[in-house]
Amino acid sequence: MLKDDVIFFLKINPDPKDDVLHAWAEENEYDVHEVENEIYKLATKYVAFLSGGQANEADLTEEDVDPDELELGIDVESEHVDDEDIQKRIALDHLAENDNYYSLLKKFVEKE
């Protein structure tokens, strides 16, 4: 499936040059324009994700939260996702719910 192949390609080529992308598309018998359109779709979803969520609804930024709590949140979220922007976005969403979300989570996990 094109989407899955494009995601795999981008994982191993996080900042591909046009000639690399075009060569990959041709090697895999994909139309270059279809590949580029798939990349645009993925980029749009990524931007929509980063600009959505509870933190954005609450107009909460990293400057509005305890930096230690945010750091703890980013560390916890790194267990689930590699992208730092996504880690921070998820952490901020949780901190919008509860300003000490990750400290409470840590206490809960330690108790268990």
PDB file of N, CA and C in Angstrom:
ATOM      1  N   MET A   1       0.850  -1.179   0.000  1.00  0.00           N
ATOM      2  CA  MET A   1       0.000   0.000   0.000  1.00  0.00           C
ATOM      3  C   MET A   1       0.896   1.242   0.000  1.00  0.00           C
ATOM      4  N   LEU A   2       0.554   2.202  -0.810  1.00  0.00           N
ATOM      5  CA  LEU A   2       1.380   3.392  -0.988  1.00  0.00           C
ATOM      6  C   LEU A   2       1.643   4.114   0.337  1.00  0.00           C
ATOM      7  N   LYS A   3       0.609   4.354   1.115  1.00  0.00           N
ATOM      8  CA  LYS A   3       0.772   5.094   2.374  1.00  0.00           C
ATOM      9  C   LYS A   3       1.801   4.413   3.281  1.00  0.00           C
ATOM     10  N   ASP A   4       1.675   3.122   3.465  1.00  0.00           N
ATOM     11  CA  ASP A   4       2.606   2.388   4.327  1.00  0.00           C
ATOM     12  C   ASP A   4       4.030   2.444   3.787  1.00  0.00           C
ATOM     13  N   ASP A   5       4.167   2.317   2.474  1.00  0.00           N
ATOM     14  CA  ASP A   5       5.496   2.387   1.863  1.00  0.00           C
ATOM     15  C   ASP A   5       6.114   3.777   2.016  1.00  0.00           C
ATOM     16  N   VAL A   6       5.292   4.807   1.868  1.00  0.00           N
ATOM     17  CA  VAL A   6       5.783   6.180   2.031  1.00  0.00           C
ATOM     18  C   VAL A   6       6.217   6.410   3.479  1.00  0.00           C
ATOM     19  N   ILE A   7       5.426   5.947   4.425  1.00  0.00           N
ATOM     20  CA  ILE A   7       5.791   6.095   5.842  1.00  0.00           C
ATOM     21  C   ILE A   7       7.114   5.395   6.120  1.00  0.00           C
ATOM     22  N   PHE A   8       7.275   4.183   5.610  1.00  0.00           N
ATOM     23  CA  PHE A   8       8.531   3.462   5.806  1.00  0.00           C
ATOM     24  C   PHE A   8       9.688   4.226   5.176  1.00  0.00           C
ATOM     25  N   PHE A   9       9.480   4.711   3.950  1.00  0.00           N
ATOM     26  CA  PHE A   9      10.526   5.471   3.273  1.00  0.00           C
ATOM     27  C   PHE A   9      10.934   6.690   4.103  1.00  0.00           C
ATOM     28  N   LEU A  10       9.957   7.423   4.625  1.00  0.00           N
ATOM     29  CA  LEU A  10      10.250   8.632   5.396  1.00  0.00           C
ATOM     30  C   LEU A  10      10.918   8.317   6.738  1.00  0.00           C
ATOM     31  N   LYS A  11      10.618   7.145   7.286  1.00  0.00           N
ATOM     32  CA  LYS A  11      11.294   6.746   8.536  1.00  0.00           C
ATOM     33  C   LYS A  11      12.790   6.583   8.315  1.00  0.00           C
ATOM     34  N   ILE A  12      13.153   6.015   7.187  1.00  0.00           N
ATOM     35  CA  ILE A  12      14.578   5.786   6.940  1.00  0.00           C
ATOM     36  C   ILE A  12      15.226   6.944   6.182  1.00  0.00           C
ATOM     37  N   ASN A  13      14.402   7.870   5.687  1.00  0.00           N
ATOM     38  CA  ASN A  13      14.875   9.067   4.981  1.00  0.00           C
ATOM     39  C   ASN A  13      14.097  10.278   5.519  1.00  0.00           C
ATOM     40  N   PRO A  14      14.393  10.725   6.720  1.00  0.00           N
ATOM     41  CA  PRO A  14      13.560  11.759   7.345  1.00  0.00           C
ATOM     42  C   PRO A  14      13.560  13.116   6.644  1.00  0.00           C
ATOM     43  N   ASP A  15      14.554  13.401   5.840  1.00  0.00           N
ATOM     44  CA  ASP A  15      14.603  14.681   5.124  1.00  0.00           C
ATOM     45  C   ASP A  15      15.108  14.421   3.709  1.00  0.00           C
ATOM     46  N   PRO A  16      14.305  13.689   2.918  1.00  0.00           N
ATOM     47  CA  PRO A  16      14.811  13.270   1.607  1.00  0.00           C
ATOM     48  C   PRO A  16      14.885  14.413   0.604  1.00  0.00           C
ATOM     49  N   LYS A  17      15.895  14.378  -0.208  1.00  0.00           N
ATOM     50  CA  LYS A  17      16.010  15.297  -1.342  1.00  0.00           C
ATOM     51  C   LYS A  17      15.093  14.784  -2.454  1.00  0.00           C
ATOM     52  N   ASP A  18      14.691  15.690  -3.332  1.00  0.00           N
ATOM     53  CA  ASP A  18      13.779  15.312  -4.418  1.00  0.00           C
ATOM     54  C   ASP A  18      14.308  14.157  -5.246  1.00  0.00           C
ATOM     55  N   ASP A  19      15.599  14.197  -5.578  1.00  0.00           N
ATOM     56  CA  ASP A  19      16.127  13.138  -6.435  1.00  0.00           C
ATOM     57  C   ASP A  19      16.085  11.771  -5.751  1.00  0.00           C
ATOM     58  N   VAL A  20      16.278  11.751  -4.438  1.00  0.00           N
ATOM     59  CA  VAL A  20      16.205  10.484  -3.685  1.00  0.00           C
ATOM     60  C   VAL A  20      14.765   9.980  -3.674  1.00  0.00           C
ATOM     61  N   LEU A  21      13.828  10.888  -3.402  1.00  0.00           N
ATOM     62  CA  LEU A  21      12.408  10.518  -3.397  1.00  0.00           C
ATOM     63  C   LEU A  21      11.971  10.017  -4.768  1.00  0.00           C
ATOM     64  N   HIS A  22      12.346  10.718  -5.809  1.00  0.00           N
ATOM     65  CA  HIS A  22      11.956  10.330  -7.164  1.00  0.00           C
ATOM     66  C   HIS A  22      12.558   8.976  -7.541  1.00  0.00           C
ATOM     67  N   ALA A  23      13.815   8.771  -7.197  1.00  0.00           N
ATOM     68  CA  ALA A  23      14.462   7.483  -7.494  1.00  0.00           C
ATOM     69  C   ALA A  23      13.757   6.349  -6.760  1.00  0.00           C
ATOM     70  N   TRP A  24      13.411   6.589  -5.490  1.00  0.00           N
ATOM     71  CA  TRP A  24      12.705   5.562  -4.708  1.00  0.00           C
ATOM     72  C   TRP A  24      11.348   5.259  -5.337  1.00  0.00           C
ATOM     73  N   ALA A  25      10.621   6.306  -5.723  1.00  0.00           N
ATOM     74  CA  ALA A  25       9.299   6.109  -6.331  1.00  0.00           C
ATOM     75  C   ALA A  25       9.423   5.286  -7.616  1.00  0.00           C
ATOM     76  N   GLU A  26      10.378   5.627  -8.433  1.00  0.00           N
ATOM     77  CA  GLU A  26      10.557   4.904  -9.691  1.00  0.00           C
ATOM     78  C   GLU A  26      10.985   3.456  -9.453  1.00  0.00           C
ATOM     79  N   GLU A  27      11.892   3.245  -8.502  1.00  0.00           N
ATOM     80  CA  GLU A  27      12.331   1.884  -8.163  1.00  0.00           C
ATOM     81  C   GLU A  27      11.165   1.013  -7.723  1.00  0.00           C
ATOM     82  N   ASN A  28      10.221   1.620  -7.026  1.00  0.00           N
ATOM     83  CA  ASN A  28       9.080   0.888  -6.489  1.00  0.00           C
ATOM     84  C   ASN A  28       7.838   0.994  -7.374  1.00  0.00           C
ATOM     85  N   GLU A  29       8.064   1.525  -8.587  1.00  0.00           N
ATOM     86  CA  GLU A  29       7.017   1.626  -9.609  1.00  0.00           C
ATOM     87  C   GLU A  29       5.810   2.431  -9.146  1.00  0.00           C
ATOM     88  N   TYR A  30       6.092   3.526  -8.408  1.00  0.00           N
ATOM     89  CA  TYR A  30       5.047   4.466  -8.016  1.00  0.00           C
ATOM     90  C   TYR A  30       5.163   5.720  -8.862  1.00  0.00           C
ATOM     91  N   ASP A  31       4.024   6.313  -9.152  1.00  0.00           N
ATOM     92  CA  ASP A  31       4.009   7.603  -9.813  1.00  0.00           C
ATOM     93  C   ASP A  31       4.505   8.647  -8.811  1.00  0.00           C
ATOM     94  N   VAL A  32       5.481   9.441  -9.205  1.00  0.00           N
ATOM     95  CA  VAL A  32       6.100  10.429  -8.313  1.00  0.00           C
ATOM     96  C   VAL A  32       5.058  11.395  -7.758  1.00  0.00           C
ATOM     97  N   HIS A  33       4.118  11.815  -8.585  1.00  0.00           N
ATOM     98  CA  HIS A  33       3.095  12.764  -8.136  1.00  0.00           C
ATOM     99  C   HIS A  33       2.182  12.136  -7.081  1.00  0.00           C
ATOM    100  N   GLU A  34       1.876  10.857  -7.236  1.00  0.00           N
ATOM    101  CA  GLU A  34       1.058  10.165  -6.229  1.00  0.00           C
ATOM    102  C   GLU A  34       1.813  10.067  -4.908  1.00  0.00           C
ATOM    103  N   VAL A  35       3.107   9.797  -4.972  1.00  0.00           N
ATOM    104  CA  VAL A  35       3.924   9.732  -3.764  1.00  0.00           C
ATOM    105  C   VAL A  35       3.949  11.093  -3.075  1.00  0.00           C
ATOM    106  N   GLU A  36       4.179  12.144  -3.848  1.00  0.00           N
ATOM    107  CA  GLU A  36       4.210  13.483  -3.272  1.00  0.00           C
ATOM    108  C   GLU A  36       2.859  13.857  -2.664  1.00  0.00           C
ATOM    109  N   ASN A  37       1.766  13.490  -3.312  1.00  0.00           N
ATOM    110  CA  ASN A  37       0.439  13.749  -2.760  1.00  0.00           C
ATOM    111  C   ASN A  37       0.230  13.018  -1.445  1.00  0.00           C
ATOM    112  N   GLU A  38       0.740  11.794  -1.355  1.00  0.00           N
ATOM    113  CA  GLU A  38       0.623  11.028  -0.110  1.00  0.00           C
ATOM    114  C   GLU A  38       1.421  11.704   1.006  1.00  0.00           C
ATOM    115  N   ILE A  39       2.579  12.220   0.666  1.00  0.00           N
ATOM    116  CA  ILE A  39       3.397  12.944   1.651  1.00  0.00           C
ATOM    117  C   ILE A  39       2.654  14.190   2.131  1.00  0.00           C
ATOM    118  N   TYR A  40       2.019  14.912   1.223  1.00  0.00           N
ATOM    119  CA  TYR A  40       1.248  16.104   1.607  1.00  0.00           C
ATOM    120  C   TYR A  40       0.093  15.723   2.538  1.00  0.00           C
ATOM    121  N   LYS A  41      -0.573  14.615   2.252  1.00  0.00           N
ATOM    122  CA  LYS A  41      -1.672  14.152   3.111  1.00  0.00           C
ATOM    123  C   LYS A  41      -1.148  13.848   4.523  1.00  0.00           C
ATOM    124  N   LEU A  42      -0.013  13.145   4.575  1.00  0.00           N
ATOM    125  CA  LEU A  42       0.571  12.818   5.878  1.00  0.00           C
ATOM    126  C   LEU A  42       0.998  14.072   6.625  1.00  0.00           C
ATOM    127  N   ALA A  43       1.581  15.015   5.906  1.00  0.00           N
ATOM    128  CA  ALA A  43       2.010  16.267   6.537  1.00  0.00           C
ATOM    129  C   ALA A  43       0.811  17.031   7.077  1.00  0.00           C
ATOM    130  N   THR A  44      -0.274  17.044   6.339  1.00  0.00           N
ATOM    131  CA  THR A  44      -1.484  17.734   6.782  1.00  0.00           C
ATOM    132  C   THR A  44      -2.028  17.095   8.053  1.00  0.00           C
ATOM    133  N   LYS A  45      -2.037  15.766   8.114  1.00  0.00           N
ATOM    134  CA  LYS A  45      -2.503  15.081   9.329  1.00  0.00           C
ATOM    135  C   LYS A  45      -1.594  15.392  10.511  1.00  0.00           C
ATOM    136  N   TYR A  46      -0.302  15.447  10.265  1.00  0.00           N
ATOM    137  CA  TYR A  46       0.670  15.743  11.317  1.00  0.00           C
ATOM    138  C   TYR A  46       0.441  17.152  11.866  1.00  0.00           C
ATOM    139  N   VAL A  47       0.262  18.104  10.984  1.00  0.00           N
ATOM    140  CA  VAL A  47       0.019  19.490  11.398  1.00  0.00           C
ATOM    141  C   VAL A  47      -1.314  19.593  12.138  1.00  0.00           C
ATOM    142  N   ALA A  48      -2.331  18.906  11.649  1.00  0.00           N
ATOM    143  CA  ALA A  48      -3.635  18.929  12.321  1.00  0.00           C
ATOM    144  C   ALA A  48      -3.511  18.350  13.731  1.00  0.00           C
ATOM    145  N   PHE A  49      -2.752  17.281  13.865  1.00  0.00           N
ATOM    146  CA  PHE A  49      -2.547  16.683  15.190  1.00  0.00           C
ATOM    147  C   PHE A  49      -1.838  17.656  16.119  1.00  0.00           C
ATOM    148  N   LEU A  50      -0.765  18.264  15.638  1.00  0.00           N
ATOM    149  CA  LEU A  50       0.015  19.174  16.476  1.00  0.00           C
ATOM    150  C   LEU A  50      -0.761  20.438  16.845  1.00  0.00           C
ATOM    151  N   SER A  51      -1.691  20.835  16.004  1.00  0.00           N
ATOM    152  CA  SER A  51      -2.439  22.066  16.292  1.00  0.00           C
ATOM    153  C   SER A  51      -3.769  21.795  16.970  1.00  0.00           C
ATOM    154  N   GLY A  52      -4.068  20.552  17.263  1.00  0.00           N
ATOM    155  CA  GLY A  52      -5.313  20.196  17.933  1.00  0.00           C
ATOM    156  C   GLY A  52      -5.074  19.861  19.394  1.00  0.00           C
ATOM    157  N   GLY A  53      -6.059  19.259  19.998  1.00  0.00           N
ATOM    158  CA  GLY A  53      -5.921  18.761  21.356  1.00  0.00           C
ATOM    159  C   GLY A  53      -6.343  19.740  22.438  1.00  0.00           C
ATOM    160  N   GLN A  54      -6.389  19.220  23.646  1.00  0.00           N
ATOM    161  CA  GLN A  54      -6.856  19.987  24.793  1.00  0.00           C
ATOM    162  C   GLN A  54      -5.963  21.173  25.126  1.00  0.00           C
ATOM    163  N   ALA A  55      -4.673  21.016  24.948  1.00  0.00           N
ATOM    164  CA  ALA A  55      -3.755  22.115  25.256  1.00  0.00           C
ATOM    165  C   ALA A  55      -4.024  23.300  24.334  1.00  0.00           C
ATOM    166  N   ASN A  56      -4.224  23.033  23.059  1.00  0.00           N
ATOM    167  CA  ASN A  56      -4.516  24.131  22.127  1.00  0.00           C
ATOM    168  C   ASN A  56      -5.882  24.743  22.413  1.00  0.00           C
ATOM    169  N   GLU A  57      -6.859  23.909  22.768  1.00  0.00           N
ATOM    170  CA  GLU A  57      -8.179  24.433  23.109  1.00  0.00           C
ATOM    171  C   GLU A  57      -8.102  25.350  24.331  1.00  0.00           C
ATOM    172  N   ALA A  58      -7.233  24.999  25.273  1.00  0.00           N
ATOM    173  CA  ALA A  58      -7.062  25.790  26.492  1.00  0.00           C
ATOM    174  C   ALA A  58      -6.022  26.895  26.323  1.00  0.00           C
ATOM    175  N   ASP A  59      -5.440  26.985  25.136  1.00  0.00           N
ATOM    176  CA  ASP A  59      -4.381  27.954  24.843  1.00  0.00           C
ATOM    177  C   ASP A  59      -3.204  27.784  25.810  1.00  0.00           C
ATOM    178  N   LEU A  60      -2.887  26.530  26.109  1.00  0.00           N
ATOM    179  CA  LEU A  60      -1.814  26.175  27.035  1.00  0.00           C
ATOM    180  C   LEU A  60      -0.536  25.908  26.253  1.00  0.00           C
ATOM    181  N   THR A  61       0.548  26.550  26.635  1.00  0.00           N
ATOM    182  CA  THR A  61       1.839  26.337  25.988  1.00  0.00           C
ATOM    183  C   THR A  61       2.823  25.793  27.019  1.00  0.00           C
ATOM    184  N   GLU A  62       3.996  25.443  26.554  1.00  0.00           N
ATOM    185  CA  GLU A  62       4.991  24.908  27.485  1.00  0.00           C
ATOM    186  C   GLU A  62       5.418  25.932  28.524  1.00  0.00           C
ATOM    187  N   GLU A  63       5.279  27.213  28.213  1.00  0.00           N
ATOM    188  CA  GLU A  63       5.611  28.262  29.189  1.00  0.00           C
ATOM    189  C   GLU A  63       4.599  28.333  30.327  1.00  0.00           C
ATOM    190  N   ASP A  64       3.417  27.744  30.123  1.00  0.00           N
ATOM    191  CA  ASP A  64       2.350  27.799  31.108  1.00  0.00           C
ATOM    192  C   ASP A  64       2.381  26.652  32.117  1.00  0.00           C
ATOM    193  N   VAL A  65       3.238  25.681  31.901  1.00  0.00           N
ATOM    194  CA  VAL A  65       3.257  24.502  32.776  1.00  0.00           C
ATOM    195  C   VAL A  65       4.590  24.416  33.517  1.00  0.00           C
ATOM    196  N   ASP A  66       4.582  23.648  34.572  1.00  0.00           N
ATOM    197  CA  ASP A  66       5.805  23.398  35.339  1.00  0.00           C
ATOM    198  C   ASP A  66       6.802  22.687  34.422  1.00  0.00           C
ATOM    199  N   PRO A  67       8.001  23.249  34.228  1.00  0.00           N
ATOM    200  CA  PRO A  67       8.964  22.631  33.309  1.00  0.00           C
ATOM    201  C   PRO A  67       9.368  21.216  33.728  1.00  0.00           C
ATOM    202  N   ASP A  68       9.412  20.956  35.029  1.00  0.00           N
ATOM    203  CA  ASP A  68       9.756  19.604  35.482  1.00  0.00           C
ATOM    204  C   ASP A  68       8.648  18.614  35.130  1.00  0.00           C
ATOM    205  N   GLU A  69       7.410  19.083  35.266  1.00  0.00           N
ATOM    206  CA  GLU A  69       6.270  18.224  34.925  1.00  0.00           C
ATOM    207  C   GLU A  69       6.251  17.944  33.420  1.00  0.00           C
ATOM    208  N   LEU A  70       6.548  18.956  32.615  1.00  0.00           N
ATOM    209  CA  LEU A  70       6.606  18.763  31.162  1.00  0.00           C
ATOM    210  C   LEU A  70       7.744  17.815  30.791  1.00  0.00           C
ATOM    211  N   GLU A  71       8.886  17.979  31.413  1.00  0.00           N
ATOM    212  CA  GLU A  71      10.020  17.094  31.135  1.00  0.00           C
ATOM    213  C   GLU A  71       9.676  15.649  31.483  1.00  0.00           C
ATOM    214  N   LEU A  72       9.023  15.456  32.616  1.00  0.00           N
ATOM    215  CA  LEU A  72       8.595  14.113  33.015  1.00  0.00           C
ATOM    216  C   LEU A  72       7.603  13.564  31.989  1.00  0.00           C
ATOM    217  N   GLY A  73       6.683  14.414  31.528  1.00  0.00           N
ATOM    218  CA  GLY A  73       5.700  13.991  30.536  1.00  0.00           C
ATOM    219  C   GLY A  73       6.343  13.594  29.217  1.00  0.00           C
ATOM    220  N   ILE A  74       7.282  14.381  28.777  1.00  0.00           N
ATOM    221  CA  ILE A  74       7.973  14.068  27.524  1.00  0.00           C
ATOM    222  C   ILE A  74       8.708  12.739  27.649  1.00  0.00           C
ATOM    223  N   ASP A  75       9.320  12.510  28.806  1.00  0.00           N
ATOM    224  CA  ASP A  75      10.022  11.251  29.038  1.00  0.00           C
ATOM    225  C   ASP A  75       9.053  10.067  28.996  1.00  0.00           C
ATOM    226  N   VAL A  76       7.905  10.214  29.651  1.00  0.00           N
ATOM    227  CA  VAL A  76       6.906   9.140  29.651  1.00  0.00           C
ATOM    228  C   VAL A  76       6.406   8.880  28.226  1.00  0.00           C
ATOM    229  N   GLU A  77       6.101   9.940  27.509  1.00  0.00           N
ATOM    230  CA  GLU A  77       5.557   9.777  26.152  1.00  0.00           C
ATOM    231  C   GLU A  77       6.597   9.238  25.172  1.00  0.00           C
ATOM    232  N   SER A  78       7.880   9.412  25.492  1.00  0.00           N
ATOM    233  CA  SER A  78       8.930   8.873  24.613  1.00  0.00           C
ATOM    234  C   SER A  78       8.908   7.351  24.584  1.00  0.00           C
ATOM    235  N   GLU A  79       8.246   6.736  25.568  1.00  0.00           N
ATOM    236  CA  GLU A  79       8.096   5.279  25.562  1.00  0.00           C
ATOM    237  C   GLU A  79       7.124   4.826  24.477  1.00  0.00           C
ATOM    238  N   HIS A  80       6.285   5.761  24.014  1.00  0.00           N
ATOM    239  CA  HIS A  80       5.240   5.417  23.047  1.00  0.00           C
ATOM    240  C   HIS A  80       5.518   5.932  21.646  1.00  0.00           C
ATOM    241  N   VAL A  81       6.281   7.035  21.551  1.00  0.00           N
ATOM    242  CA  VAL A  81       6.488   7.663  20.246  1.00  0.00           C
ATOM    243  C   VAL A  81       7.878   8.303  20.224  1.00  0.00           C
ATOM    244  N   ASP A  82       8.534   8.274  19.053  1.00  0.00           N
ATOM    245  CA  ASP A  82       9.898   8.793  18.922  1.00  0.00           C
ATOM    246  C   ASP A  82       9.973  10.297  18.672  1.00  0.00           C
ATOM    247  N   ASP A  83       8.945  10.875  18.111  1.00  0.00           N
ATOM    248  CA  ASP A  83       8.967  12.276  17.689  1.00  0.00           C
ATOM    249  C   ASP A  83       8.803  13.218  18.881  1.00  0.00           C
ATOM    250  N   GLU A  84       9.782  14.111  19.090  1.00  0.00           N
ATOM    251  CA  GLU A  84       9.747  15.029  20.231  1.00  0.00           C
ATOM    252  C   GLU A  84       8.564  15.986  20.181  1.00  0.00           C
ATOM    253  N   ASP A  85       8.186  16.436  19.011  1.00  0.00           N
ATOM    254  CA  ASP A  85       7.035  17.336  18.900  1.00  0.00           C
ATOM    255  C   ASP A  85       5.753  16.636  19.342  1.00  0.00           C
ATOM    256  N   ILE A  86       5.610  15.379  18.949  1.00  0.00           N
ATOM    257  CA  ILE A  86       4.426  14.618  19.337  1.00  0.00           C
ATOM    258  C   ILE A  86       4.467  14.315  20.830  1.00  0.00           C
ATOM    259  N   GLN A  87       5.637  13.965  21.355  1.00  0.00           N
ATOM    260  CA  GLN A  87       5.767  13.725  22.793  1.00  0.00           C
ATOM    261  C   GLN A  87       5.306  14.951  23.578  1.00  0.00           C
ATOM    262  N   LYS A  88       5.789  16.115  23.173  1.00  0.00           N
ATOM    263  CA  LYS A  88       5.441  17.358  23.859  1.00  0.00           C
ATOM    264  C   LYS A  88       3.951  17.660  23.716  1.00  0.00           C
ATOM    265  N   ARG A  89       3.404  17.449  22.515  1.00  0.00           N
ATOM    266  CA  ARG A  89       1.978  17.712  22.277  1.00  0.00           C
ATOM    267  C   ARG A  89       1.115  16.858  23.196  1.00  0.00           C
ATOM    268  N   ILE A  90       1.424  15.564  23.288  1.00  0.00           N
ATOM    269  CA  ILE A  90       0.652  14.655  24.139  1.00  0.00           C
ATOM    270  C   ILE A  90       0.814  15.055  25.604  1.00  0.00           C
ATOM    271  N   ALA A  91       2.037  15.361  26.011  1.00  0.00           N
ATOM    272  CA  ALA A  91       2.279  15.767  27.400  1.00  0.00           C
ATOM    273  C   ALA A  91       1.487  17.026  27.737  1.00  0.00           C
ATOM    274  N   LEU A  92       1.501  18.003  26.862  1.00  0.00           N
ATOM    275  CA  LEU A  92       0.749  19.237  27.111  1.00  0.00           C
ATOM    276  C   LEU A  92      -0.753  18.971  27.184  1.00  0.00           C
ATOM    277  N   ASP A  93      -1.247  18.064  26.355  1.00  0.00           N
ATOM    278  CA  ASP A  93      -2.669  17.715  26.425  1.00  0.00           C
ATOM    279  C   ASP A  93      -3.014  17.117  27.782  1.00  0.00           C
ATOM    280  N   HIS A  94      -2.161  16.230  28.281  1.00  0.00           N
ATOM    281  CA  HIS A  94      -2.404  15.646  29.602  1.00  0.00           C
ATOM    282  C   HIS A  94      -2.284  16.705  30.702  1.00  0.00           C
ATOM    283  N   LEU A  95      -1.341  17.600  30.563  1.00  0.00           N
ATOM    284  CA  LEU A  95      -1.172  18.653  31.567  1.00  0.00           C
ATOM    285  C   LEU A  95      -2.313  19.666  31.515  1.00  0.00           C
ATOM    286  N   ALA A  96      -2.975  19.771  30.381  1.00  0.00           N
ATOM    287  CA  ALA A  96      -4.171  20.611  30.302  1.00  0.00           C
ATOM    288  C   ALA A  96      -5.302  19.995  31.120  1.00  0.00           C
ATOM    289  N   GLU A  97      -5.325  18.655  31.198  1.00  0.00           N
ATOM    290  CA  GLU A  97      -6.316  17.943  32.009  1.00  0.00           C
ATOM    291  C   GLU A  97      -6.034  18.133  33.495  1.00  0.00           C
ATOM    292  N   ASN A  98      -4.740  18.010  33.843  1.00  0.00           N
ATOM    293  CA  ASN A  98      -4.335  18.070  35.249  1.00  0.00           C
ATOM    294  C   ASN A  98      -2.885  18.553  35.283  1.00  0.00           C
ATOM    295  N   ASP A  99      -2.634  19.639  35.971  1.00  0.00           N
ATOM    296  CA  ASP A  99      -1.301  20.258  35.916  1.00  0.00           C
ATOM    297  C   ASP A  99      -0.197  19.443  36.577  1.00  0.00           C
ATOM    298  N   ASN A 100      -0.555  18.384  37.285  1.00  0.00           N
ATOM    299  CA  ASN A 100       0.468  17.484  37.833  1.00  0.00           C
ATOM    300  C   ASN A 100       0.182  16.026  37.417  1.00  0.00           C
ATOM    301  N   TYR A 101      -0.320  15.885  36.215  1.00  0.00           N
ATOM    302  CA  TYR A 101      -0.704  14.586  35.654  1.00  0.00           C
ATOM    303  C   TYR A 101       0.417  13.554  35.777  1.00  0.00           C
ATOM    304  N   TYR A 102       1.620  13.941  35.394  1.00  0.00           N
ATOM    305  CA  TYR A 102       2.714  12.958  35.337  1.00  0.00           C
ATOM    306  C   TYR A 102       3.267  12.637  36.717  1.00  0.00           C
ATOM    307  N   SER A 103       3.244  13.571  37.631  1.00  0.00           N
ATOM    308  CA  SER A 103       3.649  13.270  39.010  1.00  0.00           C
ATOM    309  C   SER A 103       2.670  12.286  39.629  1.00  0.00           C
ATOM    310  N   LEU A 104       1.384  12.496  39.384  1.00  0.00           N
ATOM    311  CA  LEU A 104       0.374  11.563  39.888  1.00  0.00           C
ATOM    312  C   LEU A 104       0.527  10.191  39.241  1.00  0.00           C
ATOM    313  N   LEU A 105       0.786  10.178  37.949  1.00  0.00           N
ATOM    314  CA  LEU A 105       0.996   8.912  37.245  1.00  0.00           C
ATOM    315  C   LEU A 105       2.198   8.168  37.822  1.00  0.00           C
ATOM    316  N   LYS A 106       3.275   8.901  38.069  1.00  0.00           N
ATOM    317  CA  LYS A 106       4.484   8.295  38.625  1.00  0.00           C
ATOM    318  C   LYS A 106       4.203   7.690  40.000  1.00  0.00           C
ATOM    319  N   LYS A 107       3.482   8.410  40.851  1.00  0.00           N
ATOM    320  CA  LYS A 107       3.124   7.890  42.178  1.00  0.00           C
ATOM    321  C   LYS A 107       2.267   6.642  42.056  1.00  0.00           C
ATOM    322  N   PHE A 108       1.322   6.656  41.128  1.00  0.00           N
ATOM    323  CA  PHE A 108       0.458   5.515  40.912  1.00  0.00           C
ATOM    324  C   PHE A 108       1.259   4.293  40.474  1.00  0.00           C
ATOM    325  N   VAL A 109       2.158   4.489  39.523  1.00  0.00           N
ATOM    326  CA  VAL A 109       2.979   3.383  39.015  1.00  0.00           C
ATOM    327  C   VAL A 109       3.880   2.836  40.102  1.00  0.00           C
ATOM    328  N   GLU A 110       4.473   3.729  40.899  1.00  0.00           N
ATOM    329  CA  GLU A 110       5.346   3.294  41.986  1.00  0.00           C
ATOM    330  C   GLU A 110       4.561   2.516  43.031  1.00  0.00           C
ATOM    331  N   LYS A 111       3.325   2.930  43.274  1.00  0.00           N
ATOM    332  CA  LYS A 111       2.470   2.251  44.250  1.00  0.00           C
ATOM    333  C   LYS A 111       2.111   0.845  43.785  1.00  0.00           C
ATOM    334  N   GLU A 112       1.878   0.709  42.477  1.00  0.00           N
ATOM    335  CA  GLU A 112       1.518  -0.593  41.903  1.00  0.00           C
ATOM    336  C   GLU A 112       2.742  -1.479  41.927  1.00  0.00           C
TER     337      GLU A 112
END
